[in-house]
C-alpha atoms as a PDB file:
ATOM      1  CA  UNK A   1       0.036   0.252  -0.374  1.00  0.00           C
ATOM      2  CA  UNK A   2       1.250   3.371  -0.954  1.00  0.00           C
ATOM      3  CA  UNK A   3       1.521   6.303   1.396  1.00  0.00           C
ATOM      4  CA  UNK A   4       1.343   9.363  -0.274  1.00  0.00           C
ATOM      5  CA  UNK A   5       2.478  11.226   2.635  1.00  0.00           C
ATOM      6  CA  UNK A   6       5.923   9.621   3.161  1.00  0.00           C
ATOM      7  CA  UNK A   7       6.590   8.272  -0.239  1.00  0.00           C
ATOM      8  CA  UNK A   8       6.838   4.764   1.059  1.00  0.00           C
ATOM      9  CA  UNK A   9       5.109   1.348   0.796  1.00  0.00           C
ATOM     10  CA  UNK A  10       3.377  -0.397   3.493  1.00  0.00           C
ATOM     11  CA  UNK A  11       4.075  -3.977   2.627  1.00  0.00           C
ATOM     12  CA  UNK A  12       2.085  -6.208   5.825  1.00  0.00           C
ATOM     13  CA  UNK A  13       4.756  -6.190   8.177  1.00  0.00           C
ATOM     14  CA  UNK A  14       7.416  -3.041   7.310  1.00  0.00           C
ATOM     15  CA  UNK A  15       7.584  -0.417   5.176  1.00  0.00           C
ATOM     16  CA  UNK A  16       9.825  -0.065   2.073  1.00  0.00           C
ATOM     17  CA  UNK A  17      11.711   3.377   0.964  1.00  0.00           C
ATOM     18  CA  UNK A  18      11.815   3.331  -2.999  1.00  0.00           C
ATOM     19  CA  UNK A  19      14.068   6.014  -2.788  1.00  0.00           C
ATOM     20  CA  UNK A  20      16.594   4.052  -1.335  1.00  0.00           C
ATOM     21  CA  UNK A  21      15.318   0.704  -2.027  1.00  0.00           C
ATOM     22  CA  UNK A  22      15.652  -0.633   1.794  1.00  0.00           C
ATOM     23  CA  UNK A  23      13.175  -1.485   4.433  1.00  0.00           C
ATOM     24  CA  UNK A  24      12.754   1.337   7.243  1.00  0.00           C
ATOM     25  CA  UNK A  25      13.151  -1.284  10.015  1.00  0.00           C
ATOM     26  CA  UNK A  26      15.073  -4.659  10.379  1.00  0.00           C
ATOM     27  CA  UNK A  27      13.756  -8.244   9.084  1.00  0.00           C
ATOM     28  CA  UNK A  28      12.116  -9.786  12.167  1.00  0.00           C
ATOM     29  CA  UNK A  29      12.477 -13.330  10.667  1.00  0.00           C
ATOM     30  CA  UNK A  30      15.833 -13.718  11.121  1.00  0.00           C
ATOM     31  CA  UNK A  31      17.477 -14.886  14.323  1.00  0.00           C
ATOM     32  CA  UNK A  32      20.555 -16.665  15.466  1.00  0.00           C
ATOM     33  CA  UNK A  33      18.028 -19.995  15.326  1.00  0.00           C
ATOM     34  CA  UNK A  34      18.091 -19.829  11.407  1.00  0.00           C
ATOM     35  CA  UNK A  35      20.620 -17.088  10.496  1.00  0.00           C
ATOM     36  CA  UNK A  36      23.251 -19.830   9.027  1.00  0.00           C
ATOM     37  CA  UNK A  37      21.006 -23.021   8.478  1.00  0.00           C
ATOM     38  CA  UNK A  38      17.313 -21.482   7.576  1.00  0.00           C
ATOM     39  CA  UNK A  39      14.296 -22.406   8.606  1.00  0.00           C
ATOM     40  CA  UNK A  40      14.512 -26.217   7.813  1.00  0.00           C
ATOM     41  CA  UNK A  41      18.148 -27.391   8.247  1.00  0.00           C
ATOM     42  CA  UNK A  42      19.193 -30.067   5.934  1.00  0.00           C
ATOM     43  CA  UNK A  43      21.255 -32.992   7.169  1.00  0.00           C
ATOM     44  CA  UNK A  44      21.717 -34.982   4.182  1.00  0.00           C
ATOM     45  CA  UNK A  45      24.193 -37.563   5.317  1.00  0.00           C
ATOM     46  CA  UNK A  46      22.123 -37.996   8.868  1.00  0.00           C
ATOM     47  CA  UNK A  47      25.428 -37.161  11.179  1.00  0.00           C
ATOM     48  CA  UNK A  48      24.114 -33.870  12.583  1.00  0.00           C
ATOM     49  CA  UNK A  49      26.331 -32.259   9.992  1.00  0.00           C
ATOM     50  CA  UNK A  50      24.211 -29.627   8.742  1.00  0.00           C
ATOM     51  CA  UNK A  51      24.454 -27.697   5.390  1.00  0.00           C
ATOM     52  CA  UNK A  52      24.599 -23.873   5.664  1.00  0.00           C
ATOM     53  CA  UNK A  53      21.758 -22.116   3.961  1.00  0.00           C
ATOM     54  CA  UNK A  54      23.277 -19.350   1.591  1.00  0.00           C
ATOM     55  CA  UNK A  55      20.106 -17.754   1.246  1.00  0.00           C
ATOM     56  CA  UNK A  56      19.565 -17.518   4.869  1.00  0.00           C
ATOM     57  CA  UNK A  57      23.148 -15.926   5.567  1.00  0.00           C
ATOM     58  CA  UNK A  58      22.768 -13.506   2.857  1.00  0.00           C
ATOM     59  CA  UNK A  59      19.343 -11.895   4.161  1.00  0.00           C
ATOM     60  CA  UNK A  60      20.504 -12.060   7.889  1.00  0.00           C
ATOM     61  CA  UNK A  61      23.253 -10.086   7.107  1.00  0.00           C
ATOM     62  CA  UNK A  62      21.785  -7.146   6.024  1.00  0.00           C
ATOM     63  CA  UNK A  63      18.270  -7.179   7.851  1.00  0.00           C
ATOM     64  CA  UNK A  64      17.071  -3.746   5.800  1.00  0.00           C
ATOM     65  CA  UNK A  65      18.260  -4.774   2.006  1.00  0.00           C
ATOM     66  CA  UNK A  66      15.685  -5.873  -0.066  1.00  0.00           C
ATOM     67  CA  UNK A  67      15.506  -9.577  -1.339  1.00  0.00           C
ATOM     68  CA  UNK A  68      19.275  -9.173  -1.249  1.00  0.00           C
ATOM     69  CA  UNK A  69      19.809  -6.734  -3.855  1.00  0.00           C
ATOM     70  CA  UNK A  70      18.553  -9.024  -6.366  1.00  0.00           C
ATOM     71  CA  UNK A  71      14.664  -8.381  -7.122  1.00  0.00           C
ATOM     72  CA  UNK A  72      15.309  -9.878 -10.484  1.00  0.00           C
ATOM     73  CA  UNK A  73      15.092 -13.659  -9.067  1.00  0.00           C
ATOM     74  CA  UNK A  74      13.587 -12.583  -5.799  1.00  0.00           C
ATOM     75  CA  UNK A  75      10.572 -10.949  -4.530  1.00  0.00           C
ATOM     76  CA  UNK A  76       9.063 -10.568  -0.619  1.00  0.00           C
ATOM     77  CA  UNK A  77       5.406  -9.983  -0.470  1.00  0.00           C
ATOM     78  CA  UNK A  78       5.060  -9.690   3.264  1.00  0.00           C
ATOM     79  CA  UNK A  79       8.329  -7.739   4.118  1.00  0.00           C
ATOM     80  CA  UNK A  80       9.750 -11.235   5.972  1.00  0.00           C
ATOM     81  CA  UNK A  81      11.893 -13.292   3.525  1.00  0.00           C
ATOM     82  CA  UNK A  82      12.838 -13.096   0.349  1.00  0.00           C
ATOM     83  CA  UNK A  83      11.107 -15.572  -1.905  1.00  0.00           C
ATOM     84  CA  UNK A  84      11.654 -17.272  -5.178  1.00  0.00           C
ATOM     85  CA  UNK A  85       8.581 -16.873  -7.750  1.00  0.00           C
ATOM     86  CA  UNK A  86       8.928 -20.381  -8.748  1.00  0.00           C
ATOM     87  CA  UNK A  87       5.027 -20.894  -9.762  1.00  0.00           C
ATOM     88  CA  UNK A  88       4.976 -18.043 -12.605  1.00  0.00           C
ATOM     89  CA  UNK A  89       3.762 -19.011 -16.292  1.00  0.00           C
ATOM     90  CA  UNK A  90       6.392 -18.818 -19.215  1.00  0.00           C
ATOM     91  CA  UNK A  91       4.988 -15.820 -20.457  1.00  0.00           C
ATOM     92  CA  UNK A  92       5.092 -14.039 -17.127  1.00  0.00           C
ATOM     93  CA  UNK A  93       8.815 -15.124 -17.321  1.00  0.00           C
ATOM     94  CA  UNK A  94       9.347 -13.545 -20.732  1.00  0.00           C
ATOM     95  CA  UNK A  95       7.604 -10.365 -19.898  1.00  0.00           C
ATOM     96  CA  UNK A  96      10.308 -10.343 -16.932  1.00  0.00           C
ATOM     97  CA  UNK A  97      13.173 -10.954 -19.021  1.00  0.00           C
ATOM     98  CA  UNK A  98      12.197  -8.401 -21.665  1.00  0.00           C
ATOM     99  CA  UNK A  99      11.335  -5.668 -19.294  1.00  0.00           C
ATOM    100  CA  UNK A 100      14.993  -5.920 -17.977  1.00  0.00           C
ATOM    101  CA  UNK A 101      16.355  -5.944 -21.376  1.00  0.00           C
ATOM    102  CA  UNK A 102      14.399  -3.002 -22.744  1.00  0.00           C
ATOM    103  CA  UNK A 103      14.650  -0.783 -19.559  1.00  0.00           C
ATOM    104  CA  UNK A 104      17.673  -2.364 -17.356  1.00  0.00           C
ATOM    105  CA  UNK A 105      15.201  -1.723 -14.320  1.00  0.00           C
ATOM    106  CA  UNK A 106      14.878  -3.449 -11.265  1.00  0.00           C
ATOM    107  CA  UNK A 107      12.180  -5.899 -11.898  1.00  0.00           C
ATOM    108  CA  UNK A 108      10.324  -8.167  -9.823  1.00  0.00           C
ATOM    109  CA  UNK A 109       7.235 -10.633 -10.644  1.00  0.00           C
ATOM    110  CA  UNK A 110       5.039 -10.736  -7.647  1.00  0.00           C
ATOM    111  CA  UNK A 111       1.452 -12.363  -7.155  1.00  0.00           C
ATOM    112  CA  UNK A 112      -0.894  -9.793  -5.263  1.00  0.00           C
ATOM    113  CA  UNK A 113      -1.353  -6.402  -4.835  1.00  0.00           C
ATOM    114  CA  UNK A 114       1.617  -5.338  -3.451  1.00  0.00           C
ATOM    115  CA  UNK A 115       3.859  -3.054  -5.986  1.00  0.00           C
ATOM    116  CA  UNK A 116       7.386  -2.222  -5.801  1.00  0.00           C
ATOM    117  CA  UNK A 117       8.365   0.769  -7.971  1.00  0.00           C
ATOM    118  CA  UNK A 118      10.810  -0.017 -10.918  1.00  0.00           C
ATOM    119  CA  UNK A 119       9.238  -3.910 -11.364  1.00  0.00           C
ATOM    120  CA  UNK A 120       6.691  -5.952 -12.745  1.00  0.00           C
ATOM    121  CA  UNK A 121       4.146  -6.783 -10.669  1.00  0.00           C
ATOM    122  CA  UNK A 122       1.627 -10.006 -11.946  1.00  0.00           C
ATOM    123  CA  UNK A 123      -1.636  -9.301 -10.391  1.00  0.00           C
ATOM    124  CA  UNK A 124      -3.910 -12.491 -10.447  1.00  0.00           C
ATOM    125  CA  UNK A 125      -5.447 -13.582 -12.784  1.00  0.00           C
ATOM    126  CA  UNK A 126      -4.332 -11.868 -15.818  1.00  0.00           C
ATOM    127  CA  UNK A 127      -2.679  -8.670 -15.501  1.00  0.00           C
ATOM    128  CA  UNK A 128       1.146  -7.446 -15.460  1.00  0.00           C
ATOM    129  CA  UNK A 129       2.215  -3.557 -15.411  1.00  0.00           C
ATOM    130  CA  UNK A 130       5.081  -1.968 -15.822  1.00  0.00           C
ATOM    131  CA  UNK A 131       5.386   0.711 -13.260  1.00  0.00           C
ATOM    132  CA  UNK A 132       8.127   2.721 -15.096  1.00  0.00           C
ATOM    133  CA  UNK A 133       7.811   3.666 -17.839  1.00  0.00           C
ATOM    134  CA  UNK A 134       4.145   2.665 -18.153  1.00  0.00           C
ATOM    135  CA  UNK A 135       3.546  -0.250 -20.054  1.00  0.00           C
ATOM    136  CA  UNK A 136       0.644  -2.611 -19.412  1.00  0.00           C
ATOM    137  CA  UNK A 137       0.616  -6.316 -20.944  1.00  0.00           C
ATOM    138  CA  UNK A 138      -1.393  -9.261 -20.966  1.00  0.00           C
ATOM    139  CA  UNK A 139      -0.128 -12.887 -19.309  1.00  0.00           C
ATOM    140  CA  UNK A 140      -1.466 -16.019 -18.965  1.00  0.00           C
ATOM    141  CA  UNK A 141      -3.101 -16.484 -15.575  1.00  0.00           C
ATOM    142  CA  UNK A 142      -0.358 -16.942 -12.644  1.00  0.00           C
ATOM    143  CA  UNK A 143      -2.215 -18.958  -9.726  1.00  0.00           C
ATOM    144  CA  UNK A 144      -0.513 -19.106  -6.681  1.00  0.00           C
ATOM    145  CA  UNK A 145      -0.249 -22.549  -5.313  1.00  0.00           C
ATOM    146  CA  UNK A 146      -2.856 -23.290  -2.439  1.00  0.00           C
ATOM    147  CA  UNK A 147      -1.902 -24.017   1.083  1.00  0.00           C
ATOM    148  CA  UNK A 148      -2.331 -27.774   0.513  1.00  0.00           C
ATOM    149  CA  UNK A 149      -0.095 -27.595  -2.622  1.00  0.00           C
ATOM    150  CA  UNK A 150       2.249 -25.756  -0.804  1.00  0.00           C
ATOM    151  CA  UNK A 151       2.311 -28.786   1.851  1.00  0.00           C
ATOM    152  CA  UNK A 152       2.908 -31.338  -0.592  1.00  0.00           C
ATOM    153  CA  UNK A 153       5.602 -29.703  -2.106  1.00  0.00           C
ATOM    154  CA  UNK A 154       7.251 -28.962   1.382  1.00  0.00           C
ATOM    155  CA  UNK A 155       7.015 -32.714   1.919  1.00  0.00           C
ATOM    156  CA  UNK A 156       8.643 -33.765  -1.197  1.00  0.00           C
ATOM    157  CA  UNK A 157      11.551 -31.613  -0.442  1.00  0.00           C
ATOM    158  CA  UNK A 158      11.817 -32.477   3.078  1.00  0.00           C
ATOM    159  CA  UNK A 159      10.828 -29.224   4.590  1.00  0.00           C
ATOM    160  CA  UNK A 160       8.868 -29.110   8.053  1.00  0.00           C
ATOM    161  CA  UNK A 161       5.082 -27.948   7.499  1.00  0.00           C
ATOM    162  CA  UNK A 162       3.966 -24.542   8.895  1.00  0.00           C
ATOM    163  CA  UNK A 163       0.654 -24.707  10.626  1.00  0.00           C
ATOM    164  CA  UNK A 164      -1.095 -23.111   7.951  1.00  0.00           C
ATOM    165  CA  UNK A 165      -0.348 -26.134   5.588  1.00  0.00           C
ATOM    166  CA  UNK A 166      -1.154 -28.526   8.553  1.00  0.00           C
ATOM    167  CA  UNK A 167      -4.334 -27.200   8.709  1.00  0.00           C
ATOM    168  CA  UNK A 168      -5.092 -27.144   5.010  1.00  0.00           C
ATOM    169  CA  UNK A 169      -4.275 -31.135   5.248  1.00  0.00           C
ATOM    170  CA  UNK A 170      -6.751 -31.332   7.932  1.00  0.00           C
ATOM    171  CA  UNK A 171      -9.646 -29.847   6.099  1.00  0.00           C
ATOM    172  CA  UNK A 172      -8.645 -31.795   3.226  1.00  0.00           C
ATOM    173  CA  UNK A 173      -8.353 -35.075   5.376  1.00  0.00           C
ATOM    174  CA  UNK A 174     -12.128 -34.429   6.761  1.00  0.00           C
ATOM    175  CA  UNK A 175     -13.067 -34.664   2.712  1.00  0.00           C
ATOM    176  CA  UNK A 176     -11.161 -38.027   2.357  1.00  0.00           C
ATOM    177  CA  UNK A 177     -12.833 -39.366   5.559  1.00  0.00           C
ATOM    178  CA  UNK A 178     -16.495 -38.444   4.350  1.00  0.00           C
ATOM    179  CA  UNK A 179     -17.356 -41.884   3.251  1.00  0.00           C
ATOM    180  CA  UNK A 180     -16.086 -43.297   6.793  1.00  0.00           C
ATOM    181  CA  UNK A 181     -17.995 -40.657   8.508  1.00  0.00           C
ATOM    182  CA  UNK A 182     -21.173 -41.926   6.552  1.00  0.00           C
ATOM    183  CA  UNK A 183     -20.333 -45.564   7.522  1.00  0.00           C
ATOM    184  CA  UNK A 184     -20.065 -44.760  10.855  1.00  0.00           C
ATOM    185  CA  UNK A 185     -23.709 -42.703  10.792  1.00  0.00           C
ATOM    186  CA  UNK A 186     -25.222 -45.739   9.336  1.00  0.00           C
ATOM    187  CA  UNK A 187     -23.917 -48.140  11.912  1.00  0.00           C
ATOM    188  CA  UNK A 188     -25.021 -45.805  14.699  1.00  0.00           C
ATOM    189  CA  UNK A 189     -21.524 -44.870  15.458  1.00  0.00           C
ATOM    190  CA  UNK A 190     -19.775 -41.599  15.629  1.00  0.00           C
ATOM    191  CA  UNK A 191     -16.268 -40.110  14.594  1.00  0.00           C
ATOM    192  CA  UNK A 192     -15.349 -37.386  16.568  1.00  0.00           C
ATOM    193  CA  UNK A 193     -11.948 -36.891  15.378  1.00  0.00           C
ATOM    194  CA  UNK A 194      -9.614 -37.560  11.909  1.00  0.00           C
ATOM    195  CA  UNK A 195      -6.266 -39.254  13.067  1.00  0.00           C
ATOM    196  CA  UNK A 196      -3.351 -39.299  10.924  1.00  0.00           C
ATOM    197  CA  UNK A 197      -1.380 -42.804  11.634  1.00  0.00           C
ATOM    198  CA  UNK A 198       1.838 -40.824  10.836  1.00  0.00           C
ATOM    199  CA  UNK A 199       1.622 -37.398  12.556  1.00  0.00           C
ATOM    200  CA  UNK A 200       1.708 -34.144   9.822  1.00  0.00           C
ATOM    201  CA  UNK A 201       5.074 -32.589  12.108  1.00  0.00           C
ATOM    202  CA  UNK A 202       6.718 -36.126  10.832  1.00  0.00           C
ATOM    203  CA  UNK A 203       5.836 -35.808   7.499  1.00  0.00           C
ATOM    204  CA  UNK A 204       8.594 -34.034   5.939  1.00  0.00           C
ATOM    205  CA  UNK A 205      10.814 -36.984   7.479  1.00  0.00           C
ATOM    206  CA  UNK A 206       8.634 -40.046   5.232  1.00  0.00           C
ATOM    207  CA  UNK A 207       9.810 -39.352   1.937  1.00  0.00           C
ATOM    208  CA  UNK A 208       9.301 -37.313  -1.118  1.00  0.00           C
ATOM    209  CA  UNK A 209       6.096 -39.200  -2.067  1.00  0.00           C
ATOM    210  CA  UNK A 210       4.775 -39.529   1.337  1.00  0.00           C
ATOM    211  CA  UNK A 211       1.224 -38.148   1.334  1.00  0.00           C
ATOM    212  CA  UNK A 212       0.067 -37.801   4.787  1.00  0.00           C
ATOM    213  CA  UNK A 213      -3.801 -37.823   3.623  1.00  0.00           C
ATOM    214  CA  UNK A 214      -3.960 -41.026   1.574  1.00  0.00           C
ATOM    215  CA  UNK A 215      -6.422 -43.074   3.019  1.00  0.00           C
ATOM    216  CA  UNK A 216      -4.196 -45.692   4.122  1.00  0.00           C
ATOM    217  CA  UNK A 217      -2.922 -43.154   6.787  1.00  0.00           C
ATOM    218  CA  UNK A 218      -6.370 -41.901   7.874  1.00  0.00           C
ATOM    219  CA  UNK A 219      -8.575 -43.314  10.263  1.00  0.00           C
ATOM    220  CA  UNK A 220     -11.784 -41.988  12.342  1.00  0.00           C
ATOM    221  CA  UNK A 221     -11.765 -42.357  16.303  1.00  0.00           C
ATOM    222  CA  UNK A 222     -13.857 -41.082  19.194  1.00  0.00           C
ATOM    223  CA  UNK A 223     -12.528 -38.338  21.194  1.00  0.00           C
ATOM    224  CA  UNK A 224     -12.020 -40.779  23.953  1.00  0.00           C
ATOM    225  CA  UNK A 225      -9.913 -43.075  21.913  1.00  0.00           C
ATOM    226  CA  UNK A 226      -7.936 -39.765  20.328  1.00  0.00           C
ATOM    227  CA  UNK A 227      -6.925 -38.439  23.577  1.00  0.00           C
ATOM    228  CA  UNK A 228      -5.305 -41.759  24.530  1.00  0.00           C
ATOM    229  CA  UNK A 229      -3.821 -41.740  21.063  1.00  0.00           C
ATOM    230  CA  UNK A 230      -2.479 -38.264  21.530  1.00  0.00           C
ATOM    231  CA  UNK A 231      -0.976 -39.017  24.859  1.00  0.00           C
ATOM    232  CA  UNK A 232       1.119 -42.014  23.467  1.00  0.00           C
ATOM    233  CA  UNK A 233       2.439 -39.528  20.831  1.00  0.00           C
ATOM    234  CA  UNK A 234       3.105 -37.039  23.351  1.00  0.00           C
ATOM    235  CA  UNK A 235       5.316 -39.360  25.494  1.00  0.00           C
ATOM    236  CA  UNK A 236       7.057 -40.404  22.186  1.00  0.00           C
ATOM    237  CA  UNK A 237       8.165 -36.597  22.045  1.00  0.00           C
ATOM    238  CA  UNK A 238       9.577 -36.361  25.209  1.00  0.00           C
ATOM    239  CA  UNK A 239      11.512 -39.640  24.629  1.00  0.00           C
ATOM    240  CA  UNK A 240      12.700 -38.807  20.774  1.00  0.00           C
ATOM    241  CA  UNK A 241      12.472 -34.788  20.287  1.00  0.00           C
ATOM    242  CA  UNK A 242      14.548 -35.544  16.934  1.00  0.00           C
ATOM    243  CA  UNK A 243      12.872 -39.212  15.899  1.00  0.00           C
ATOM    244  CA  UNK A 244      14.415 -41.024  12.996  1.00  0.00           C
ATOM    245  CA  UNK A 245      11.533 -42.759  10.322  1.00  0.00           C
ATOM    246  CA  UNK A 246      12.072 -45.753  11.855  1.00  0.00           C
ATOM    247  CA  UNK A 247      11.383 -44.708  15.342  1.00  0.00           C
ATOM    248  CA  UNK A 248       8.475 -43.319  14.011  1.00  0.00           C
ATOM    249  CA  UNK A 249       7.389 -46.465  12.298  1.00  0.00           C
ATOM    250  CA  UNK A 250       7.717 -48.268  15.268  1.00  0.00           C
ATOM    251  CA  UNK A 251       5.542 -46.025  17.134  1.00  0.00           C
ATOM    252  CA  UNK A 252       2.543 -46.019  14.568  1.00  0.00           C
ATOM    253  CA  UNK A 253       3.489 -49.813  14.777  1.00  0.00           C
ATOM    254  CA  UNK A 254       2.808 -49.598  18.691  1.00  0.00           C
ATOM    255  CA  UNK A 255      -0.148 -47.225  18.533  1.00  0.00           C
ATOM    256  CA  UNK A 256      -1.943 -49.257  16.046  1.00  0.00           C
ATOM    257  CA  UNK A 257      -1.316 -52.629  18.135  1.00  0.00           C
ATOM    258  CA  UNK A 258      -3.068 -50.786  21.003  1.00  0.00           C
ATOM    259  CA  UNK A 259      -5.886 -48.832  19.203  1.00  0.00           C
ATOM    260  CA  UNK A 260      -6.365 -50.282  16.206  1.00  0.00           C
ATOM    261  CA  UNK A 261      -9.618 -51.732  16.926  1.00  0.00           C
ATOM    262  CA  UNK A 262     -11.337 -48.650  17.721  1.00  0.00           C
ATOM    263  CA  UNK A 263     -10.715 -47.330  14.416  1.00  0.00           C
ATOM    264  CA  UNK A 264     -13.227 -46.383  11.920  1.00  0.00           C
ATOM    265  CA  UNK A 265     -12.725 -46.442   7.866  1.00  0.00           C
END
C-alpha cells in the first residue's frame, strides 16, 4: 500500500522506501536460530552435520536490504523473507526478462497487490503492469499454490510443514474421510476426530512421495480414543525429540497395536 504523505510502501510487516531501495525497519524473521542453516536445516548424511543455507546467510547479514539486492530473482510479498517466484507461467517469465532487457530496471514478479516501484507486478489472474515506464501487457493466469499444494511440495522437499499447511491438510482429510463418516453414521457410531497414523509434524521425514492424506494414513476415532493416542505420541515426543523415520514407524506400529480395534475407516 502506497502512502502519499511519506512516499513509502507498507508491505504487511514493514515499510519500504523506494528512494533508497531499503526497508525502514529490520527483518524480524531472521535470528540466531535460523541465520546460518535456515528454517529447515538440511542434514543430508544423517550425521547431525547441517548444510549452511546461503540465502539465510545473505538475508540475515543485512536486515534492511530488499531481496538480497536481487529483485530480478527474488520477491518479498510480506516484508519478512525473500522468495523465488517459482510458479510463474512461461509468458510471465518472458515479460520479466524482456522488461529488464528493454529498460534495465529492477524487475520483480509478484502475485498479489503489493507493488514495488521499478518492477513488474503480476496481479492474479491475468494482468502484468510495468510501473516505470508505463507499459501494460497481458499474460496467462498466474495462480498461486494453495496451502494444500504448498504442503505437498514441502513434503517432497523434506521441509517441515507450517501450521497453515497442517490446517489445510486437516481440512482435506475430513473430505477424504467423508465416506467413513457416512458408514459410521449408518452403523450408529460417531467419528469425533480424524487421526493421521503418521502425524503431520513428521510428514517431511517420510520420503518425497509420502501423502499424509492417503486413505491408508487416515482413520476415524472417538474423542476418548483420540485423547489416548495423543497421550502416547506426546510421550514419544518427549523420549525422541528428533526421531528417525524408523522410530516413527515403530511408534505407529505400537499405537496401531493398542488402538486399531477402535479405528473406523
